[in-house]
Protein backbone atom coordinates (compact mmCIF):
# COMPACT_ATOMS: atom_id res chain seq x y z
CA MET A 1 58.69 -67.97 -23.62
CA SER A 2 61.81 -69.69 -24.88
CA ASN A 3 65.13 -67.90 -24.94
CA ARG A 4 66.25 -69.81 -28.03
CA PHE A 5 66.84 -67.66 -31.08
CA VAL A 6 68.11 -67.95 -34.63
CA TYR A 7 69.52 -65.55 -37.17
CA TRP A 8 67.37 -64.87 -40.21
CA VAL A 9 67.12 -62.41 -43.09
CA GLY A 10 64.34 -60.01 -42.15
CA GLY A 11 64.65 -57.89 -45.27
CA ASP A 12 66.61 -55.04 -43.68
CA TYR A 13 69.48 -53.54 -45.65
CA ASP A 14 71.37 -50.31 -46.10
CA VAL A 15 72.47 -48.99 -49.48
CA ILE A 16 76.08 -47.85 -49.48
CA GLU A 17 77.48 -46.40 -52.69
CA GLY A 18 74.64 -48.00 -54.64
CA VAL A 19 75.14 -51.50 -53.16
CA LYS A 20 72.68 -53.19 -50.79
CA HIS A 21 74.24 -54.49 -47.57
CA TYR A 22 71.92 -56.96 -45.82
CA ILE A 23 71.49 -56.97 -42.05
CA PRO A 24 70.61 -60.22 -40.24
CA SER A 25 67.80 -60.31 -37.71
CA ILE A 26 67.39 -62.24 -34.48
CA VAL A 27 64.15 -64.21 -34.20
CA TYR A 28 63.16 -65.60 -30.80
CA GLU A 29 61.18 -68.82 -30.59
CA GLY A 30 57.49 -68.08 -29.97
CA VAL A 31 57.94 -64.29 -29.89
CA ALA A 32 56.32 -62.13 -32.54
CA GLY A 33 58.64 -60.13 -34.76
CA HIS A 34 62.36 -59.91 -35.37
CA ILE A 35 65.19 -57.69 -34.18
CA PRO A 36 67.53 -56.38 -36.88
CA CYS A 37 71.20 -56.47 -35.82
CA ARG A 38 71.73 -52.73 -36.12
CA ASN A 39 74.10 -52.45 -33.12
CA GLY A 40 72.14 -49.72 -31.36
CA ASP A 41 71.40 -46.12 -32.13
CA SER A 42 74.59 -44.64 -30.75
CA PRO A 43 76.35 -42.13 -32.99
CA GLY A 44 78.98 -43.87 -35.05
CA SER A 45 77.62 -47.39 -34.42
CA LEU A 46 77.32 -49.57 -37.49
CA PRO A 47 75.02 -52.51 -38.20
CA TYR A 48 76.22 -55.99 -38.97
CA TYR A 49 76.39 -56.55 -42.73
CA TRP A 50 76.34 -60.21 -43.68
CA GLY A 51 76.24 -59.97 -47.45
CA THR A 52 75.43 -57.84 -50.44
CA THR A 53 72.61 -60.14 -51.53
CA GLU A 54 69.77 -61.66 -49.54
CA LYS A 55 71.12 -65.10 -50.44
CA GLU A 56 74.61 -64.30 -49.06
CA CYS A 57 73.09 -62.99 -45.85
CA GLN A 58 70.85 -66.06 -45.45
CA GLU A 59 73.84 -68.36 -46.01
CA ALA A 60 75.75 -66.47 -43.29
CA CYS A 61 72.71 -66.78 -41.00
CA ASP A 62 72.54 -70.52 -41.70
CA GLU A 63 76.25 -70.87 -40.84
CA ALA A 64 75.83 -68.90 -37.59
CA ASN A 65 72.81 -71.02 -36.64
CA GLU A 66 74.75 -74.21 -37.37
CA ARG A 67 77.59 -73.03 -35.10
CA MET A 68 74.96 -72.74 -32.35
CA GLY A 69 73.87 -76.31 -33.11
CA TYR A 70 70.67 -75.43 -35.00
CA THR A 71 69.73 -76.93 -38.35
CA ARG A 72 68.02 -74.95 -41.08
CA ASP A 73 64.82 -76.91 -40.38
CA PHE A 74 64.97 -75.88 -36.73
CA ALA A 75 65.52 -72.25 -37.76
CA LEU A 76 62.50 -72.43 -40.06
CA GLY A 77 60.47 -73.73 -37.11
CA VAL A 78 61.57 -70.82 -34.93
CA VAL A 79 60.64 -68.33 -37.66
CA ALA A 80 57.25 -70.06 -38.08
CA SER A 81 56.65 -69.92 -34.31
CA SER A 82 57.35 -66.17 -34.43
CA MET A 83 54.86 -65.72 -37.24
CA ILE A 84 52.24 -67.72 -35.37
CA ALA A 85 52.80 -65.52 -32.30
CA HIS A 86 51.66 -62.52 -34.37
CA LYS A 87 48.09 -63.85 -34.33
CA ASP A 88 47.93 -63.07 -30.60
CA LEU A 89 48.97 -59.43 -31.00
CA VAL A 90 46.32 -56.78 -30.54
CA ILE A 91 46.82 -53.82 -32.83
């Protein structure tokens, strides 16, 4: 298992006063699934909101990945490797 990860939009959002606030997810290379950045379940903890549209959140994810030295193509590869890892899950 690799410990490399990227940020990606996993589809999670909260609606606050009628506006969607998108939450980025962490996707590990070769590991099935994603982890929404919800900052724990502690009372009063808030998730990370990286945009009010999916596009804004993905652009913020792309920028964060680039700061870590990862291109969008690399991030897509990590997300694909996570999807492929799902085939080995037993449900």
